[in-house]
Amino acid sequence: MRAILPRQAVGEWVQGATEAGVQVRRRRASRGQRARRGVERRWPVRVPVDEAALAAALRRRGWRVSATDAPASRRAMDAVVPADRGQGVIERGFERLKGRPLSLAPVYLQKEAPGLGLIRLLSIALRVLCLVEFGVRRGLAATEESLAGLYAGQPRRATTRPTSEALLRAFRGTNLVLLPSGPGPPRHVTPLSAVQQRILALLGLPADTYSRLSFDS
């Protein structure tokens, strides 16, 4: 009992106690067996609860202590709490940088410059992902609409907070085809779907962003 209560973190308000009990039972003789006595040992457990301590512990549930080195002018509650809740946004950026689609991994190079250049290039790509995601979400929030057609096999599933990865997957299959010389335009671009056109509009890009690629420069 002394080991269980601290392990379950309930030792503050629960005080368990056990009492050893011994009961002697006499068994009668039967079928040639002599009468004998049997001893039964029992350990009943009492678990009284300190109601005042339990109530105080319940009031503390959900609270946590945070520390910051920010100056006093920036420690106002209405500024600190949103900043603390926004930690996930920064951590998600590092997760993207180390995972797909950026896939920053350890490399072994004799010179530092190529590795530094790769990190800077991937950092720019990470910013592009964040800006695309922010732009589309801001556009949807401004119009109080949702965007559907981003999930394979679920054409009616809509979301107001699409990720950049899902938005980029929506353009999968868009191709620029170079045609041999002859009559007609030398290039052909896959026509955009309604979802792709909607994404471009939310990003504030012109509708002919892709169709202009069909013209020979």
Protein backbone atom coordinates (compact mmCIF):
# COMPACT_ATOMS: atom_id res chain seq x y z
CA MET A 1 0.00 0.00 0.00
CA ARG A 2 2.82 2.42 0.82
CA ALA A 3 4.31 1.85 -2.63
CA ILE A 4 1.04 1.94 -4.59
CA LEU A 5 -0.27 5.30 -3.37
CA PRO A 6 2.82 7.39 -4.35
CA ARG A 7 3.10 5.55 -7.68
CA GLN A 8 -0.49 6.48 -8.52
CA ALA A 9 0.06 10.08 -7.30
CA VAL A 10 -2.85 9.94 -4.86
CA GLY A 11 -0.90 9.95 -1.61
CA GLU A 12 -1.92 13.54 -0.81
CA TRP A 13 -5.58 12.82 -0.25
CA VAL A 14 -5.79 9.04 0.24
CA GLN A 15 -4.40 7.35 3.34
CA GLY A 16 -4.62 3.60 2.89
CA ALA A 17 -4.28 1.26 5.81
CA THR A 18 -4.34 -2.50 6.20
CA GLU A 19 -5.15 -4.58 9.25
CA ALA A 20 -4.02 -8.17 9.54
CA GLY A 21 -6.72 -10.54 10.66
CA VAL A 22 -6.47 -14.18 11.68
CA GLN A 23 -9.48 -16.47 11.89
CA VAL A 24 -9.32 -20.04 13.09
CA ARG A 25 -11.83 -22.50 11.65
CA ARG A 26 -12.41 -26.01 12.97
CA ARG A 27 -13.10 -28.62 10.33
CA ARG A 28 -15.02 -31.76 11.28
CA ALA A 29 -13.77 -35.22 10.59
CA SER A 30 -15.08 -36.90 7.43
CA ARG A 31 -14.29 -40.03 5.44
CA GLY A 32 -11.60 -41.24 7.71
CA GLN A 33 -9.94 -37.87 8.14
CA ARG A 34 -9.44 -36.51 11.57
CA ALA A 35 -10.83 -33.21 12.68
CA ARG A 36 -8.38 -30.37 12.29
CA ARG A 37 -8.12 -26.67 12.62
CA GLY A 38 -7.56 -24.29 9.70
CA VAL A 39 -6.13 -20.81 9.92
CA GLU A 40 -7.26 -18.08 7.50
CA ARG A 41 -5.34 -14.84 7.26
CA ARG A 42 -6.98 -11.73 5.84
CA TRP A 43 -5.77 -8.19 5.30
CA PRO A 44 -8.75 -5.87 4.96
CA VAL A 45 -7.88 -2.50 3.40
CA ARG A 46 -9.31 0.80 4.57
CA VAL A 47 -8.96 3.78 2.21
CA PRO A 48 -10.14 6.97 3.93
CA VAL A 49 -10.19 10.03 1.64
CA ASP A 50 -9.20 13.50 2.81
CA GLU A 51 -11.99 15.48 1.12
CA ALA A 52 -10.35 18.88 1.70
CA ALA A 53 -7.04 17.76 0.17
CA LEU A 54 -8.87 16.14 -2.74
CA ALA A 55 -10.80 19.34 -3.47
CA ALA A 56 -7.58 21.38 -3.39
CA ALA A 57 -5.88 18.92 -5.78
CA LEU A 58 -8.81 19.10 -8.21
CA ARG A 59 -8.58 22.90 -8.23
CA ARG A 60 -4.91 22.65 -9.24
CA ARG A 61 -5.59 20.28 -12.12
CA GLY A 62 -4.97 21.85 -15.52
CA TRP A 63 -2.60 24.52 -14.20
CA ARG A 64 1.06 24.71 -15.04
CA VAL A 65 3.91 27.07 -14.24
CA SER A 66 5.70 28.80 -17.11
CA ALA A 67 8.86 30.90 -17.07
CA THR A 68 10.11 33.48 -19.56
CA ASP A 69 13.08 35.80 -19.93
CA ALA A 70 11.01 38.42 -21.77
CA PRO A 71 11.17 41.98 -20.36
CA ALA A 72 8.42 43.16 -18.04
CA SER A 73 6.90 45.33 -20.78
CA ARG A 74 6.11 42.18 -22.77
CA ARG A 75 4.85 40.01 -19.94
CA ALA A 76 1.23 41.14 -20.03
CA MET A 77 -1.17 38.19 -19.71
CA ASP A 78 -2.98 38.99 -22.95
CA ALA A 79 0.37 38.76 -24.80
CA VAL A 80 2.10 35.89 -22.97
CA VAL A 81 -0.74 33.35 -23.22
CA PRO A 82 -1.16 33.56 -27.05
CA ALA A 83 2.61 33.41 -27.47
CA ASP A 84 2.78 30.28 -25.30
CA ARG A 85 -0.04 28.64 -27.23
CA GLY A 86 1.72 29.45 -30.49
CA GLN A 87 4.72 27.26 -29.70
CA GLY A 88 3.21 24.48 -31.77
CA VAL A 89 3.46 26.62 -34.91
CA ILE A 90 7.23 26.96 -34.49
CA GLU A 91 7.67 23.29 -33.62
CA ARG A 92 5.61 22.30 -36.67
CA GLY A 93 8.00 24.28 -38.86
CA PHE A 94 10.98 22.28 -37.58
CA GLU A 95 8.97 19.08 -38.09
CA ARG A 96 8.36 20.06 -41.71
CA LEU A 97 12.01 20.93 -42.20
CA LYS A 98 13.14 17.49 -41.02
CA GLY A 99 10.28 15.50 -42.60
CA ARG A 100 8.50 15.45 -45.90
CA PRO A 101 8.50 17.25 -48.25
CA LEU A 102 11.73 19.11 -47.30
CA SER A 103 13.56 16.13 -45.77
CA LEU A 104 16.57 17.83 -44.23
CA ALA A 105 18.89 15.02 -43.15
CA PRO A 106 22.50 14.78 -41.93
CA VAL A 107 25.03 14.93 -44.77
CA TYR A 108 28.79 14.48 -44.77
CA LEU A 109 30.62 17.15 -46.75
CA GLN A 110 34.26 18.20 -46.80
CA LYS A 111 33.30 21.86 -47.16
CA GLU A 112 30.78 23.77 -45.10
CA ALA A 113 29.46 26.00 -47.89
CA PRO A 114 27.31 23.40 -49.72
CA GLY A 115 25.61 22.31 -46.50
CA LEU A 116 24.97 25.91 -45.48
CA GLY A 117 23.52 26.66 -48.90
CA LEU A 118 21.21 23.62 -48.68
CA ILE A 119 19.91 24.69 -45.27
CA ARG A 120 19.24 28.21 -46.54
CA LEU A 121 17.44 26.89 -49.60
CA LEU A 122 15.24 24.58 -47.52
CA SER A 123 14.56 27.44 -45.09
CA ILE A 124 13.22 29.49 -47.99
CA ALA A 125 11.07 26.54 -49.06
CA LEU A 126 9.73 26.28 -45.50
CA ARG A 127 8.74 29.94 -45.61
CA VAL A 128 6.92 29.37 -48.88
CA LEU A 129 4.97 26.49 -47.33
CA CYS A 130 4.00 28.65 -44.36
CA LEU A 131 2.97 31.59 -46.54
CA VAL A 132 0.85 29.43 -48.84
CA GLU A 133 -0.93 27.87 -45.89
CA PHE A 134 -1.44 31.23 -44.17
CA GLY A 135 -2.74 32.89 -47.33
CA VAL A 136 -5.36 30.24 -48.07
CA ARG A 137 -6.55 30.06 -44.47
CA ARG A 138 -6.82 33.84 -44.28
CA GLY A 139 -8.84 33.90 -47.50
CA LEU A 140 -11.22 31.25 -46.23
CA ALA A 141 -11.65 33.07 -42.91
CA ALA A 142 -12.41 36.34 -44.70
CA THR A 143 -15.21 34.74 -46.73
CA GLU A 144 -16.32 32.37 -43.93
CA GLU A 145 -16.10 29.45 -46.35
CA SER A 146 -14.44 26.04 -46.41
CA LEU A 147 -12.46 24.27 -49.10
CA ALA A 148 -13.46 20.81 -50.34
CA GLY A 149 -11.86 18.40 -52.77
CA LEU A 150 -8.45 18.13 -51.10
CA TYR A 151 -8.82 14.61 -49.73
CA ALA A 152 -8.62 11.58 -52.02
CA GLY A 153 -11.77 9.50 -51.93
CA GLN A 154 -13.63 12.16 -49.91
CA PRO A 155 -14.72 14.81 -52.42
CA ARG A 156 -17.25 16.38 -50.04
CA ARG A 157 -14.95 16.64 -47.05
CA ALA A 158 -14.25 20.32 -46.43
CA THR A 159 -11.87 22.17 -44.16
CA THR A 160 -11.21 25.75 -43.15
CA ARG A 161 -7.58 25.05 -42.19
CA PRO A 162 -5.95 23.20 -45.11
CA THR A 163 -2.24 22.45 -44.96
CA SER A 164 0.25 23.42 -47.64
CA GLU A 165 0.95 19.75 -48.29
CA ALA A 166 -2.73 19.12 -49.07
CA LEU A 167 -2.89 22.21 -51.28
CA LEU A 168 0.15 21.11 -53.27
CA ARG A 169 -1.26 17.61 -53.68
CA ALA A 170 -4.31 19.17 -55.30
CA PHE A 171 -2.07 20.25 -58.21
CA ARG A 172 -0.69 16.76 -58.75
CA GLY A 173 -1.17 15.75 -62.35
CA THR A 174 -0.85 19.29 -63.74
CA ASN A 175 1.62 18.99 -66.61
CA LEU A 176 3.31 21.24 -69.13
CA VAL A 177 3.68 19.41 -72.44
CA LEU A 178 6.14 20.60 -75.09
CA LEU A 179 4.82 19.87 -78.58
CA PRO A 180 6.96 19.46 -81.72
CA SER A 181 7.10 22.34 -84.13
CA GLY A 182 4.02 22.63 -86.27
CA PRO A 183 0.68 24.41 -86.43
CA GLY A 184 -0.76 25.50 -83.11
CA PRO A 185 0.86 26.55 -79.85
CA PRO A 186 4.12 24.75 -79.03
CA ARG A 187 3.09 24.16 -75.41
CA HIS A 188 0.08 22.72 -73.67
CA VAL A 189 -0.88 22.98 -69.98
CA THR A 190 -3.33 20.65 -68.29
CA PRO A 191 -6.58 22.59 -67.68
CA LEU A 192 -7.07 23.52 -64.05
CA SER A 193 -9.93 22.06 -62.03
CA ALA A 194 -12.37 24.13 -60.01
CA VAL A 195 -10.49 23.32 -56.80
CA GLN A 196 -7.16 24.41 -58.28
CA GLN A 197 -8.66 27.66 -59.56
CA ARG A 198 -10.18 28.28 -56.11
CA ILE A 199 -6.77 27.82 -54.45
CA LEU A 200 -5.15 30.32 -56.83
CA ALA A 201 -7.92 32.82 -56.08
CA LEU A 202 -7.44 32.42 -52.32
CA LEU A 203 -3.71 33.07 -52.79
CA GLY A 204 -4.45 36.20 -54.79
CA LEU A 205 -2.79 34.82 -57.93
CA PRO A 206 -4.16 35.55 -61.41
CA ALA A 207 -6.34 32.87 -62.99
CA ASP A 208 -3.94 32.51 -65.95
CA THR A 209 -0.94 31.65 -63.72
CA TYR A 210 -0.65 28.28 -65.43
CA SER A 211 -2.28 28.95 -68.78
CA ARG A 212 0.35 31.59 -69.59
CA LEU A 213 2.97 28.84 -69.63
CA SER A 214 1.47 27.59 -72.90
CA PHE A 215 2.73 30.65 -74.75
CA ASP A 216 6.23 30.43 -76.16
CA SER A 217 8.42 33.11 -74.65
